[in-house]
Every structure is written in C-alpha cells, then in structure tokens.
Amino acid sequence: ISIIIGSLLMYAISGVALKQVTLLSQKIANIDKNELSFR
C-alpha cells in the first residue's frame, strides 16, 4: 500500500512541479525563424 500510495503521490507532485516546464515548452514551441524577436 505504501508503494502504491507513494507512487501516486509522486506522480501528482511531479505533475505540479513540471507544470512550469510544460508552460516553458509551449512558449518555446511557438517560436520559429520568423518570430525570433519574441522573448
């Protein structure tokens, strides 16, 4: 039970921790050679 609950908690916590990474990835994905002035 501890292993299962710990894994689920880690999955939830990592999702919150990596939310900013996902946001940064989306911002970077919207940049192409015609949008190099974007910051």
All heavy atoms as atom14 arrays in JSON, in Angstrom:
{
  "sequence": "ISIIIGSLLMYAISGVALKQVTLLSQKIANIDKNELSFR",
  "atom14_mask": [
    [1, 1, 1, 1, 1, 1, 1, 1, 0, 0, 0, 0, 0, 0],
    [1, 1, 1, 1, 1, 1, 0, 0, 0, 0, 0, 0, 0, 0],
    [1, 1, 1, 1, 1, 1, 1, 1, 0, 0, 0, 0, 0, 0],
    [1, 1, 1, 1, 1, 1, 1, 1, 0, 0, 0, 0, 0, 0],
    [1, 1, 1, 1, 1, 1, 1, 1, 0, 0, 0, 0, 0, 0],
    [1, 1, 1, 1, 0, 0, 0, 0, 0, 0, 0, 0, 0, 0],
    [1, 1, 1, 1, 1, 1, 0, 0, 0, 0, 0, 0, 0, 0],
    [1, 1, 1, 1, 1, 1, 1, 1, 0, 0, 0, 0, 0, 0],
    [1, 1, 1, 1, 1, 1, 1, 1, 0, 0, 0, 0, 0, 0],
    [1, 1, 1, 1, 1, 1, 1, 1, 0, 0, 0, 0, 0, 0],
    [1, 1, 1, 1, 1, 1, 1, 1, 1, 1, 1, 1, 0, 0],
    [1, 1, 1, 1, 1, 0, 0, 0, 0, 0, 0, 0, 0, 0],
    [1, 1, 1, 1, 1, 1, 1, 1, 0, 0, 0, 0, 0, 0],
    [1, 1, 1, 1, 1, 1, 0, 0, 0, 0, 0, 0, 0, 0],
    [1, 1, 1, 1, 0, 0, 0, 0, 0, 0, 0, 0, 0, 0],
    [1, 1, 1, 1, 1, 1, 1, 0, 0, 0, 0, 0, 0, 0],
    [1, 1, 1, 1, 1, 0, 0, 0, 0, 0, 0, 0, 0, 0],
    [1, 1, 1, 1, 1, 1, 1, 1, 0, 0, 0, 0, 0, 0],
    [1, 1, 1, 1, 1, 1, 1, 1, 1, 0, 0, 0, 0, 0],
    [1, 1, 1, 1, 1, 1, 1, 1, 1, 0, 0, 0, 0, 0],
    [1, 1, 1, 1, 1, 1, 1, 0, 0, 0, 0, 0, 0, 0],
    [1, 1, 1, 1, 1, 1, 1, 0, 0, 0, 0, 0, 0, 0],
    [1, 1, 1, 1, 1, 1, 1, 1, 0, 0, 0, 0, 0, 0],
    [1, 1, 1, 1, 1, 1, 1, 1, 0, 0, 0, 0, 0, 0],
    [1, 1, 1, 1, 1, 1, 0, 0, 0, 0, 0, 0, 0, 0],
    [1, 1, 1, 1, 1, 1, 1, 1, 1, 0, 0, 0, 0, 0],
    [1, 1, 1, 1, 1, 1, 1, 1, 1, 0, 0, 0, 0, 0],
    [1, 1, 1, 1, 1, 1, 1, 1, 0, 0, 0, 0, 0, 0],
    [1, 1, 1, 1, 1, 0, 0, 0, 0, 0, 0, 0, 0, 0],
    [1, 1, 1, 1, 1, 1, 1, 1, 0, 0, 0, 0, 0, 0],
    [1, 1, 1, 1, 1, 1, 1, 1, 0, 0, 0, 0, 0, 0],
    [1, 1, 1, 1, 1, 1, 1, 1, 0, 0, 0, 0, 0, 0],
    [1, 1, 1, 1, 1, 1, 1, 1, 1, 0, 0, 0, 0, 0],
    [1, 1, 1, 1, 1, 1, 1, 1, 0, 0, 0, 0, 0, 0],
    [1, 1, 1, 1, 1, 1, 1, 1, 1, 0, 0, 0, 0, 0],
    [1, 1, 1, 1, 1, 1, 1, 1, 0, 0, 0, 0, 0, 0],
    [1, 1, 1, 1, 1, 1, 0, 0, 0, 0, 0, 0, 0, 0],
    [1, 1, 1, 1, 1, 1, 1, 1, 1, 1, 1, 0, 0, 0],
    [1, 1, 1, 1, 1, 1, 1, 1, 1, 1, 1, 0, 0, 0]
  ],
  "atom14_positions": [
    [[0.84, -1.21, 0.0], [0.0, 0.0, 0.0], [0.87, 1.25, 0.0], [0.59, 2.24, -0.7], [-0.96, -0.01, 1.21], [-1.97, -1.15, 1.07], [-1.67, 1.33, 1.33], [-2.88, -1.32, 2.27], [0.0, 0.0, 0.0], [0.0, 0.0, 0.0], [0.0, 0.0, 0.0], [0.0, 0.0, 0.0], [0.0, 0.0, 0.0], [0.0, 0.0, 0.0]],
    [[1.95, 1.23, 0.79], [2.85, 2.39, 0.86], [3.47, 2.68, -0.5], [3.61, 3.84, -0.92], [3.94, 2.15, 1.9], [3.39, 2.0, 3.19], [0.0, 0.0, 0.0], [0.0, 0.0, 0.0], [0.0, 0.0, 0.0], [0.0, 0.0, 0.0], [0.0, 0.0, 0.0], [0.0, 0.0, 0.0], [0.0, 0.0, 0.0], [0.0, 0.0, 0.0]],
    [[3.88, 1.6, -1.19], [4.49, 1.77, -2.51], [3.49, 2.35, -3.49], [3.8, 3.29, -4.26], [5.03, 0.42, -3.03], [6.21, -0.04, -2.15], [5.47, 0.54, -4.48], [6.7, -1.44, -2.46], [0.0, 0.0, 0.0], [0.0, 0.0, 0.0], [0.0, 0.0, 0.0], [0.0, 0.0, 0.0], [0.0, 0.0, 0.0], [0.0, 0.0, 0.0]],
    [[2.27, 1.84, -3.47], [1.23, 2.32, -4.4], [0.89, 3.78, -4.12], [0.87, 4.62, -5.03], [-0.02, 1.45, -4.32], [0.29, 0.03, -4.82], [-1.15, 2.06, -5.14], [-0.84, -0.95, -4.63], [0.0, 0.0, 0.0], [0.0, 0.0, 0.0], [0.0, 0.0, 0.0], [0.0, 0.0, 0.0], [0.0, 0.0, 0.0], [0.0, 0.0, 0.0]],
    [[0.63, 4.1, -2.84], [0.27, 5.48, -2.48], [1.43, 6.43, -2.75], [1.25, 7.54, -3.27], [-0.16, 5.54, -0.99], [-1.45, 4.76, -0.79], [-0.35, 7.0, -0.56], [-1.89, 4.7, 0.65], [0.0, 0.0, 0.0], [0.0, 0.0, 0.0], [0.0, 0.0, 0.0], [0.0, 0.0, 0.0], [0.0, 0.0, 0.0], [0.0, 0.0, 0.0]],
    [[2.66, 6.0, -2.42], [3.83, 6.84, -2.66], [4.02, 7.13, -4.14], [4.36, 8.25, -4.54], [0.0, 0.0, 0.0], [0.0, 0.0, 0.0], [0.0, 0.0, 0.0], [0.0, 0.0, 0.0], [0.0, 0.0, 0.0], [0.0, 0.0, 0.0], [0.0, 0.0, 0.0], [0.0, 0.0, 0.0], [0.0, 0.0, 0.0], [0.0, 0.0, 0.0]],
    [[3.79, 6.11, -4.98], [3.93, 6.3, -6.43], [2.89, 7.27, -6.97], [3.19, 8.13, -7.8], [3.82, 4.95, -7.14], [4.83, 4.07, -6.72], [0.0, 0.0, 0.0], [0.0, 0.0, 0.0], [0.0, 0.0, 0.0], [0.0, 0.0, 0.0], [0.0, 0.0, 0.0], [0.0, 0.0, 0.0], [0.0, 0.0, 0.0], [0.0, 0.0, 0.0]],
    [[1.64, 7.11, -6.49], [0.58, 8.02, -6.94], [0.85, 9.45, -6.49], [0.64, 10.4, -7.25], [-0.77, 7.55, -6.4], [-1.29, 6.21, -6.96], [-2.58, 5.8, -6.26], [-1.53, 6.32, -8.47], [0.0, 0.0, 0.0], [0.0, 0.0, 0.0], [0.0, 0.0, 0.0], [0.0, 0.0, 0.0], [0.0, 0.0, 0.0], [0.0, 0.0, 0.0]],
    [[1.33, 9.6, -5.25], [1.66, 10.94, -4.76], [2.79, 11.55, -5.57], [2.77, 12.75, -5.9], [2.05, 10.88, -3.28], [0.89, 10.7, -2.28], [1.45, 10.51, -0.86], [-0.04, 11.9, -2.31], [0.0, 0.0, 0.0], [0.0, 0.0, 0.0], [0.0, 0.0, 0.0], [0.0, 0.0, 0.0], [0.0, 0.0, 0.0], [0.0, 0.0, 0.0]],
    [[3.79, 10.73, -5.9], [4.91, 11.22, -6.7], [4.44, 11.64, -8.08], [4.89, 12.66, -8.62], [5.99, 10.14, -6.82], [7.21, 10.61, -7.59], [7.96, 12.07, -6.85], [8.89, 12.72, -8.24], [0.0, 0.0, 0.0], [0.0, 0.0, 0.0], [0.0, 0.0, 0.0], [0.0, 0.0, 0.0], [0.0, 0.0, 0.0], [0.0, 0.0, 0.0]],
    [[3.53, 10.89, -8.66], [3.0, 11.24, -9.98], [2.28, 12.58, -9.94], [2.43, 13.43, -10.82], [2.06, 10.14, -10.47], [1.55, 10.35, -11.88], [2.34, 10.06, -12.97], [0.27, 10.86, -12.1], [1.89, 10.27, -14.26], [-0.2, 11.07, -13.4], [0.62, 10.76, -14.47], [0.16, 10.98, -15.74], [0.0, 0.0, 0.0], [0.0, 0.0, 0.0]],
    [[1.48, 12.78, -8.85], [0.74, 14.04, -8.7], [1.69, 15.21, -8.44], [1.57, 16.29, -9.04], [-0.28, 13.92, -7.58], [0.0, 0.0, 0.0], [0.0, 0.0, 0.0], [0.0, 0.0, 0.0], [0.0, 0.0, 0.0], [0.0, 0.0, 0.0], [0.0, 0.0, 0.0], [0.0, 0.0, 0.0], [0.0, 0.0, 0.0], [0.0, 0.0, 0.0]],
    [[2.68, 15.0, -7.55], [3.61, 16.07, -7.2], [4.48, 16.44, -8.39], [4.74, 17.63, -8.66], [4.48, 15.64, -6.0], [3.61, 15.52, -4.75], [5.6, 16.66, -5.76], [4.33, 14.91, -3.57], [0.0, 0.0, 0.0], [0.0, 0.0, 0.0], [0.0, 0.0, 0.0], [0.0, 0.0, 0.0], [0.0, 0.0, 0.0], [0.0, 0.0, 0.0]],
    [[4.94, 15.42, -9.14], [5.77, 15.7, -10.31], [4.99, 16.48, -11.37], [5.55, 17.31, -12.09], [6.31, 14.4, -10.9], [5.25, 13.58, -11.34], [0.0, 0.0, 0.0], [0.0, 0.0, 0.0], [0.0, 0.0, 0.0], [0.0, 0.0, 0.0], [0.0, 0.0, 0.0], [0.0, 0.0, 0.0], [0.0, 0.0, 0.0], [0.0, 0.0, 0.0]],
    [[3.68, 16.21, -11.47], [2.86, 16.97, -12.41], [2.83, 18.45, -12.07], [2.91, 19.31, -12.95], [0.0, 0.0, 0.0], [0.0, 0.0, 0.0], [0.0, 0.0, 0.0], [0.0, 0.0, 0.0], [0.0, 0.0, 0.0], [0.0, 0.0, 0.0], [0.0, 0.0, 0.0], [0.0, 0.0, 0.0], [0.0, 0.0, 0.0], [0.0, 0.0, 0.0]],
    [[2.7, 18.73, -10.75], [2.71, 20.14, -10.31], [4.08, 20.76, -10.53], [4.21, 21.89, -10.99], [2.3, 20.21, -8.82], [2.4, 21.65, -8.33], [0.9, 19.68, -8.62], [0.0, 0.0, 0.0], [0.0, 0.0, 0.0], [0.0, 0.0, 0.0], [0.0, 0.0, 0.0], [0.0, 0.0, 0.0], [0.0, 0.0, 0.0], [0.0, 0.0, 0.0]],
    [[5.14, 19.99, -10.2], [6.5, 20.52, -10.33], [6.87, 20.77, -11.79], [7.6, 21.73, -12.1], [7.49, 19.54, -9.69], [0.0, 0.0, 0.0], [0.0, 0.0, 0.0], [0.0, 0.0, 0.0], [0.0, 0.0, 0.0], [0.0, 0.0, 0.0], [0.0, 0.0, 0.0], [0.0, 0.0, 0.0], [0.0, 0.0, 0.0], [0.0, 0.0, 0.0]],
    [[6.37, 19.92, -12.68], [6.73, 20.04, -14.09], [5.75, 20.9, -14.89], [5.9, 21.03, -16.1], [6.8, 18.65, -14.73], [7.91, 17.72, -14.2], [7.79, 16.35, -14.82], [9.29, 18.31, -14.47], [0.0, 0.0, 0.0], [0.0, 0.0, 0.0], [0.0, 0.0, 0.0], [0.0, 0.0, 0.0], [0.0, 0.0, 0.0], [0.0, 0.0, 0.0]],
    [[4.79, 21.48, -14.22], [3.82, 22.34, -14.91], [4.51, 23.52, -15.58], [4.19, 23.91, -16.7], [2.76, 22.83, -13.92], [1.65, 23.65, -14.57], [0.61, 24.06, -13.54], [-0.5, 24.88, -14.21], [-1.53, 25.3, -13.21], [0.0, 0.0, 0.0], [0.0, 0.0, 0.0], [0.0, 0.0, 0.0], [0.0, 0.0, 0.0], [0.0, 0.0, 0.0]],
    [[5.51, 24.1, -14.87], [6.25, 25.23, -15.42], [7.1, 24.8, -16.62], [7.3, 25.56, -17.56], [7.13, 25.86, -14.34], [6.38, 26.5, -13.2], [5.55, 27.68, -13.64], [5.9, 28.37, -14.58], [4.43, 27.92, -12.97], [0.0, 0.0, 0.0], [0.0, 0.0, 0.0], [0.0, 0.0, 0.0], [0.0, 0.0, 0.0], [0.0, 0.0, 0.0]],
    [[7.6, 23.54, -16.56], [8.37, 23.03, -17.69], [7.48, 22.92, -18.93], [7.88, 23.28, -20.04], [8.99, 21.65, -17.35], [9.72, 21.08, -18.56], [9.93, 21.78, -16.16], [0.0, 0.0, 0.0], [0.0, 0.0, 0.0], [0.0, 0.0, 0.0], [0.0, 0.0, 0.0], [0.0, 0.0, 0.0], [0.0, 0.0, 0.0], [0.0, 0.0, 0.0]],
    [[6.25, 22.41, -18.72], [5.3, 22.3, -19.83], [4.97, 23.68, -20.39], [4.89, 23.86, -21.62], [4.01, 21.6, -19.35], [4.36, 20.33, -18.79], [3.04, 21.4, -20.5], [0.0, 0.0, 0.0], [0.0, 0.0, 0.0], [0.0, 0.0, 0.0], [0.0, 0.0, 0.0], [0.0, 0.0, 0.0], [0.0, 0.0, 0.0], [0.0, 0.0, 0.0]],
    [[4.77, 24.66, -19.5], [4.45, 26.02, -19.94], [5.61, 26.6, -20.74], [5.4, 27.22, -21.8], [4.16, 26.89, -18.72], [3.82, 28.37, -18.99], [2.56, 28.48, -19.84], [3.65, 29.12, -17.67], [0.0, 0.0, 0.0], [0.0, 0.0, 0.0], [0.0, 0.0, 0.0], [0.0, 0.0, 0.0], [0.0, 0.0, 0.0], [0.0, 0.0, 0.0]],
    [[6.84, 26.39, -20.25], [8.01, 26.9, -20.97], [8.15, 26.21, -22.32], [8.47, 26.85, -23.33], [9.27, 26.66, -20.12], [10.59, 27.13, -20.71], [10.57, 28.64, -20.95], [11.75, 26.75, -19.8], [0.0, 0.0, 0.0], [0.0, 0.0, 0.0], [0.0, 0.0, 0.0], [0.0, 0.0, 0.0], [0.0, 0.0, 0.0], [0.0, 0.0, 0.0]],
    [[7.88, 24.91, -22.36], [7.95, 24.17, -23.62], [6.94, 24.69, -24.63], [7.25, 24.8, -25.83], [7.72, 22.68, -23.35], [7.72, 21.95, -24.55], [0.0, 0.0, 0.0], [0.0, 0.0, 0.0], [0.0, 0.0, 0.0], [0.0, 0.0, 0.0], [0.0, 0.0, 0.0], [0.0, 0.0, 0.0], [0.0, 0.0, 0.0], [0.0, 0.0, 0.0]],
    [[5.75, 25.02, -24.2], [4.72, 25.56, -25.1], [5.13, 26.91, -25.66], [4.92, 27.2, -26.84], [3.39, 25.66, -24.35], [2.77, 24.32, -24.01], [1.54, 24.46, -23.14], [1.24, 25.54, -22.62], [0.81, 23.36, -22.97], [0.0, 0.0, 0.0], [0.0, 0.0, 0.0], [0.0, 0.0, 0.0], [0.0, 0.0, 0.0], [0.0, 0.0, 0.0]],
    [[5.75, 27.74, -24.81], [6.19, 29.06, -25.28], [7.3, 28.91, -26.32], [7.32, 29.62, -27.32], [6.68, 29.9, -24.09], [5.56, 30.37, -23.16], [6.13, 31.19, -22.02], [5.03, 31.73, -21.13], [4.2, 32.73, -21.81], [0.0, 0.0, 0.0], [0.0, 0.0, 0.0], [0.0, 0.0, 0.0], [0.0, 0.0, 0.0], [0.0, 0.0, 0.0]],
    [[8.22, 27.98, -26.06], [9.32, 27.77, -27.0], [8.81, 27.19, -28.31], [9.29, 27.54, -29.4], [10.38, 26.84, -26.36], [11.04, 27.55, -25.18], [11.42, 26.43, -27.39], [12.01, 26.67, -24.4], [0.0, 0.0, 0.0], [0.0, 0.0, 0.0], [0.0, 0.0, 0.0], [0.0, 0.0, 0.0], [0.0, 0.0, 0.0], [0.0, 0.0, 0.0]],
    [[7.79, 26.29, -28.22], [7.27, 25.64, -29.43], [6.62, 26.64, -30.38], [6.52, 26.38, -31.58], [6.26, 24.55, -29.04], [0.0, 0.0, 0.0], [0.0, 0.0, 0.0], [0.0, 0.0, 0.0], [0.0, 0.0, 0.0], [0.0, 0.0, 0.0], [0.0, 0.0, 0.0], [0.0, 0.0, 0.0], [0.0, 0.0, 0.0], [0.0, 0.0, 0.0]],
    [[6.17, 27.77, -29.87], [5.5, 28.77, -30.7], [6.47, 29.69, -31.43], [6.06, 30.58, -32.17], [4.56, 29.63, -29.84], [3.39, 28.83, -29.3], [2.92, 27.89, -29.95], [2.92, 29.17, -28.12], [0.0, 0.0, 0.0], [0.0, 0.0, 0.0], [0.0, 0.0, 0.0], [0.0, 0.0, 0.0], [0.0, 0.0, 0.0], [0.0, 0.0, 0.0]],
    [[7.78, 29.46, -31.22], [8.79, 30.32, -31.84], [9.34, 29.64, -33.08], [9.68, 28.47, -33.05], [9.94, 30.61, -30.85], [9.4, 31.3, -29.6], [11.01, 31.48, -31.5], [10.44, 31.46, -28.51], [0.0, 0.0, 0.0], [0.0, 0.0, 0.0], [0.0, 0.0, 0.0], [0.0, 0.0, 0.0], [0.0, 0.0, 0.0], [0.0, 0.0, 0.0]],
    [[9.39, 30.37, -34.19], [10.03, 29.87, -35.4], [10.98, 30.93, -35.92], [11.2, 31.96, -35.28], [9.0, 29.47, -36.47], [8.06, 30.63, -36.83], [8.49, 31.79, -36.68], [6.93, 30.38, -37.26], [0.0, 0.0, 0.0], [0.0, 0.0, 0.0], [0.0, 0.0, 0.0], [0.0, 0.0, 0.0], [0.0, 0.0, 0.0], [0.0, 0.0, 0.0]],
    [[11.56, 30.69, -37.08], [12.58, 31.62, -37.6], [12.01, 32.99, -37.93], [12.75, 33.96, -38.05], [13.23, 31.02, -38.84], [12.29, 30.87, -40.03], [13.03, 30.32, -41.23], [12.12, 30.22, -42.46], [12.84, 29.73, -43.64], [0.0, 0.0, 0.0], [0.0, 0.0, 0.0], [0.0, 0.0, 0.0], [0.0, 0.0, 0.0], [0.0, 0.0, 0.0]],
    [[10.67, 33.07, -38.07], [10.05, 34.37, -38.35], [9.64, 35.1, -37.09], [9.13, 36.21, -37.15], [8.82, 34.16, -39.24], [9.17, 33.57, -40.59], [10.17, 33.95, -41.2], [8.37, 32.61, -41.06], [0.0, 0.0, 0.0], [0.0, 0.0, 0.0], [0.0, 0.0, 0.0], [0.0, 0.0, 0.0], [0.0, 0.0, 0.0], [0.0, 0.0, 0.0]],
    [[9.82, 34.45, -35.92], [9.43, 35.06, -34.65], [10.61, 35.14, -33.69], [10.45, 34.97, -32.48], [8.29, 34.23, -34.02], [6.98, 34.24, -34.78], [6.3, 35.6, -34.76], [6.61, 36.39, -33.84], [5.48, 35.88, -35.65], [0.0, 0.0, 0.0], [0.0, 0.0, 0.0], [0.0, 0.0, 0.0], [0.0, 0.0, 0.0], [0.0, 0.0, 0.0]],
    [[11.8, 35.38, -34.22], [12.97, 35.42, -33.37], [13.01, 36.66, -32.48], [13.82, 36.73, -31.56], [14.24, 35.37, -34.24], [14.5, 34.04, -34.95], [15.75, 34.13, -35.81], [14.63, 32.91, -33.95], [0.0, 0.0, 0.0], [0.0, 0.0, 0.0], [0.0, 0.0, 0.0], [0.0, 0.0, 0.0], [0.0, 0.0, 0.0], [0.0, 0.0, 0.0]],
    [[12.17, 37.63, -32.75], [12.11, 38.81, -31.89], [11.32, 38.55, -30.62], [11.36, 39.34, -29.68], [11.47, 39.98, -32.65], [10.16, 39.64, -33.07], [0.0, 0.0, 0.0], [0.0, 0.0, 0.0], [0.0, 0.0, 0.0], [0.0, 0.0, 0.0], [0.0, 0.0, 0.0], [0.0, 0.0, 0.0], [0.0, 0.0, 0.0], [0.0, 0.0, 0.0]],
    [[10.62, 37.41, -30.56], [9.83, 37.06, -29.38], [10.76, 36.72, -28.21], [11.79, 36.08, -28.39], [8.93, 35.86, -29.69], [8.16, 35.35, -28.5], [7.01, 35.98, -28.08], [8.62, 34.24, -27.79], [6.32, 35.5, -26.98], [7.93, 33.76, -26.71], [6.77, 34.39, -26.29], [0.0, 0.0, 0.0], [0.0, 0.0, 0.0], [0.0, 0.0, 0.0]],
    [[10.39, 37.16, -27.01], [11.16, 36.85, -25.82], [10.22, 36.34, -24.72], [9.07, 36.77, -24.62], [11.92, 38.08, -25.3], [12.98, 38.61, -26.25], [14.12, 37.63, -26.42], [15.14, 38.14, -27.34], [15.12, 37.98, -28.65], [14.13, 37.31, -29.22], [16.09, 38.45, -29.4], [0.0, 0.0, 0.0], [0.0, 0.0, 0.0], [0.0, 0.0, 0.0]]
  ]
}
